């Protein structure tokens, strides 16, 4: 059902996709769809969670092994790993996030989901920038929360889609640019 929903949301958008259409595409009865998810919003939320994680394991982003490895790395390497991981996540989820962002304009529940996603992304980034602050690696006058704000803008799914989908960049080229931008913007310059 999630695969069917992903396809239909991408093809038609959130508003034009019905529970019946999801059930039909998935080859199940519509009652099964309602029993499993209750609402179309619940399907979208579950799909978003699975796509961000890359699997359906109930492990939060900050509890994933790649995060611990990145946080332990030297500052430049930490930011490179963050950018590479973000490229992988965006490759799976950016199109779906565009569906959420677009639907948020006319659906209050989806607007709440979009806002929650932004807060979650910022929370994760604040852990990374907090690690940089603890390593005394942030440029002078920059605190961890402002650095997280800046990283949120650089690593935004809208930026990823603009450069990869509309400008033809590869995921690797985007990750290299994002890492370089974060390094130049956030880190103290070595003399």
Protein backbone atom coordinates (compact mmCIF):
# COMPACT_ATOMS: atom_id res chain seq x y z
CA UNK A 1 0.00 0.00 0.00
CA UNK A 2 2.85 2.38 0.76
CA UNK A 3 4.44 1.78 -2.64
CA UNK A 4 1.08 2.42 -4.32
CA UNK A 5 0.60 5.61 -2.31
CA UNK A 6 4.12 6.81 -3.18
CA UNK A 7 3.45 6.32 -6.89
CA UNK A 8 0.04 7.99 -6.80
CA UNK A 9 1.13 10.95 -4.68
CA UNK A 10 4.00 11.55 -7.14
CA UNK A 11 1.74 11.19 -10.18
CA UNK A 12 -1.40 13.00 -8.99
CA UNK A 13 -0.46 14.90 -5.85
CA UNK A 14 -1.89 14.40 -2.40
CA UNK A 15 -5.30 16.02 -2.86
CA UNK A 16 -6.16 14.16 -6.07
CA UNK A 17 -5.19 10.76 -4.64
CA UNK A 18 -8.03 8.92 -2.91
CA UNK A 19 -7.91 6.01 -0.50
CA UNK A 20 -9.80 4.02 -3.13
CA UNK A 21 -7.11 4.77 -5.73
CA UNK A 22 -4.39 3.66 -3.31
CA UNK A 23 -6.27 0.44 -2.58
CA UNK A 24 -6.86 -0.25 -6.26
CA UNK A 25 -3.21 0.36 -7.16
CA UNK A 26 -2.10 -1.84 -4.24
CA UNK A 27 -4.54 -4.61 -5.21
CA UNK A 28 -6.33 -4.62 -1.88
CA UNK A 29 -9.82 -3.78 -0.72
CA UNK A 30 -10.33 -0.16 0.31
CA UNK A 31 -11.42 -1.44 3.73
CA UNK A 32 -7.94 -2.93 4.16
CA UNK A 33 -6.41 0.46 3.47
CA UNK A 34 -8.66 2.14 6.03
CA UNK A 35 -8.10 -0.65 8.58
CA UNK A 36 -4.32 -0.41 8.22
CA UNK A 37 -3.94 3.37 8.10
CA UNK A 38 -7.32 4.93 8.96
CA UNK A 39 -6.64 8.11 6.92
CA UNK A 40 -4.80 9.25 3.85
CA UNK A 41 -2.76 11.58 6.08
CA UNK A 42 -1.64 8.55 8.13
CA UNK A 43 -0.47 6.86 4.93
CA UNK A 44 1.49 9.97 3.96
CA UNK A 45 3.08 10.24 7.42
CA UNK A 46 4.06 6.56 7.49
CA UNK A 47 5.43 6.78 3.97
CA UNK A 48 7.46 9.85 4.91
CA UNK A 49 8.90 8.09 7.98
CA UNK A 50 9.89 5.02 5.96
CA UNK A 51 11.38 7.04 3.11
CA UNK A 52 13.47 9.23 5.44
CA UNK A 53 14.83 6.20 7.29
CA UNK A 54 15.31 4.07 4.20
CA UNK A 55 13.68 1.14 5.97
CA UNK A 56 10.80 0.38 8.30
CA UNK A 57 12.94 -0.32 11.39
CA UNK A 58 11.72 1.72 14.36
CA UNK A 59 15.07 3.50 14.80
CA UNK A 60 15.18 7.30 15.02
CA UNK A 61 17.58 9.15 12.75
CA UNK A 62 19.80 10.21 15.64
CA UNK A 63 20.08 6.58 16.78
CA UNK A 64 21.33 5.32 13.44
CA UNK A 65 24.98 4.15 13.22
CA UNK A 66 25.97 6.65 10.54
CA UNK A 67 25.09 9.51 12.89
CA UNK A 68 27.42 8.33 15.67
CA UNK A 69 30.21 7.81 13.14
CA UNK A 70 29.72 11.28 11.67
CA UNK A 71 29.54 12.98 15.07
CA UNK A 72 32.84 11.36 16.09
CA UNK A 73 34.62 12.57 12.94
CA UNK A 74 36.75 15.72 12.66
CA UNK A 75 34.68 18.84 11.76
CA UNK A 76 35.15 18.86 7.97
CA UNK A 77 34.57 15.11 7.76
CA UNK A 78 31.50 15.44 9.99
CA UNK A 79 29.98 17.92 7.53
CA UNK A 80 30.92 15.81 4.51
CA UNK A 81 29.24 12.76 6.05
CA UNK A 82 26.18 14.83 6.91
CA UNK A 83 25.92 16.11 3.33
CA UNK A 84 26.38 12.62 1.86
CA UNK A 85 23.76 11.12 4.18
CA UNK A 86 21.38 13.96 3.38
CA UNK A 87 21.84 13.35 -0.35
CA UNK A 88 20.90 9.70 0.19
CA UNK A 89 17.85 10.65 2.24
CA UNK A 90 16.76 13.29 -0.28
CA UNK A 91 17.15 10.83 -3.15
CA UNK A 92 14.43 8.77 -1.45
CA UNK A 93 12.24 11.47 0.02
CA UNK A 94 12.58 14.84 -1.76
CA UNK A 95 9.79 14.16 -4.26
CA UNK A 96 7.48 13.08 -1.44
CA UNK A 97 8.41 16.14 0.61
CA UNK A 98 7.43 18.26 -2.38
CA UNK A 99 4.00 16.57 -2.28
CA UNK A 100 3.74 17.41 1.43
CA UNK A 101 4.90 21.00 0.92
CA UNK A 102 2.44 21.54 -1.94
CA UNK A 103 -0.50 20.03 -0.07
CA UNK A 104 0.31 22.08 3.04
CA UNK A 105 -0.97 25.19 1.29
CA UNK A 106 -4.55 23.91 1.31
CA UNK A 107 -4.69 21.26 4.05
CA UNK A 108 -4.15 22.25 7.69
CA UNK A 109 -3.25 18.70 8.79
CA UNK A 110 -0.65 18.39 6.06
CA UNK A 111 0.66 21.86 6.92
CA UNK A 112 1.20 20.55 10.44
CA UNK A 113 3.05 17.52 9.01
CA UNK A 114 5.25 19.84 6.91
CA UNK A 115 6.01 22.04 9.91
CA UNK A 116 6.83 18.97 12.01
CA UNK A 117 9.21 17.75 9.33
CA UNK A 118 11.05 21.08 9.36
CA UNK A 119 11.33 20.96 13.15
CA UNK A 120 12.62 17.38 13.00
CA UNK A 121 15.24 18.26 10.40
CA UNK A 122 16.35 21.24 12.48
CA UNK A 123 16.56 19.08 15.61
CA UNK A 124 18.86 16.62 13.85
CA UNK A 125 21.00 19.41 12.45
CA UNK A 126 21.26 21.05 15.88
CA UNK A 127 22.84 17.85 17.19
CA UNK A 128 25.44 18.05 14.42
CA UNK A 129 26.13 21.74 14.93
CA UNK A 130 26.19 21.19 18.69
CA UNK A 131 28.94 18.64 18.12
CA UNK A 132 30.83 21.23 16.08
CA UNK A 133 30.41 23.77 18.88
CA UNK A 134 31.69 21.24 21.42
CA UNK A 135 34.75 20.72 19.21
CA UNK A 136 35.24 24.52 19.13
CA UNK A 137 35.00 24.30 15.35
CA UNK A 138 32.27 26.87 14.60
CA UNK A 139 33.43 30.19 13.26
CA UNK A 140 33.67 32.99 15.85
CA UNK A 141 30.33 34.51 16.82
CA UNK A 142 28.30 31.59 15.47
CA UNK A 143 26.34 29.47 17.93
CA UNK A 144 25.00 25.97 17.38
CA UNK A 145 21.37 27.00 16.83
CA UNK A 146 22.20 29.65 14.24
CA UNK A 147 24.53 27.16 12.55
CA UNK A 148 21.65 24.65 12.50
CA UNK A 149 19.44 27.30 10.85
CA UNK A 150 22.06 27.82 8.16
CA UNK A 151 22.48 24.07 7.63
CA UNK A 152 18.70 23.72 7.37
CA UNK A 153 18.71 26.16 4.45
CA UNK A 154 21.69 24.57 2.66
CA UNK A 155 20.40 21.01 3.11
CA UNK A 156 16.75 21.79 2.30
CA UNK A 157 14.96 19.30 0.06
CA UNK A 158 13.86 22.22 -2.11
CA UNK A 159 17.51 23.07 -2.82
CA UNK A 160 18.31 19.43 -3.49
CA UNK A 161 15.43 19.12 -5.99
CA UNK A 162 16.30 22.41 -7.66
CA UNK A 163 19.86 21.35 -8.35
CA UNK A 164 19.37 17.63 -9.03
CA UNK A 165 16.02 17.54 -10.78
CA UNK A 166 15.93 20.92 -12.48
CA UNK A 167 19.62 21.61 -13.06
CA UNK A 168 20.75 18.03 -13.65
CA UNK A 169 23.29 17.68 -10.85
CA UNK A 170 24.14 14.20 -9.63
CA UNK A 171 23.61 13.32 -5.97
CA UNK A 172 27.39 13.29 -5.55
CA UNK A 173 27.77 16.76 -7.06
CA UNK A 174 25.03 18.08 -4.76
CA UNK A 175 26.64 16.44 -1.70
CA UNK A 176 30.04 17.92 -2.62
CA UNK A 177 28.52 21.39 -3.03
CA UNK A 178 26.50 21.10 0.20
CA UNK A 179 29.53 19.90 2.18
CA UNK A 180 31.73 22.67 0.77
CA UNK A 181 29.10 25.29 1.49
CA UNK A 182 28.64 24.07 5.06
CA UNK A 183 32.41 23.94 5.63
CA UNK A 184 32.91 27.47 4.24
CA UNK A 185 29.91 28.88 6.09
CA UNK A 186 30.06 27.22 9.49
CA UNK A 187 33.64 26.36 10.34
CA UNK A 188 36.30 28.62 11.80
CA UNK A 189 39.02 29.37 9.30
CA UNK A 190 42.37 27.87 10.09
CA UNK A 191 45.19 30.39 10.05
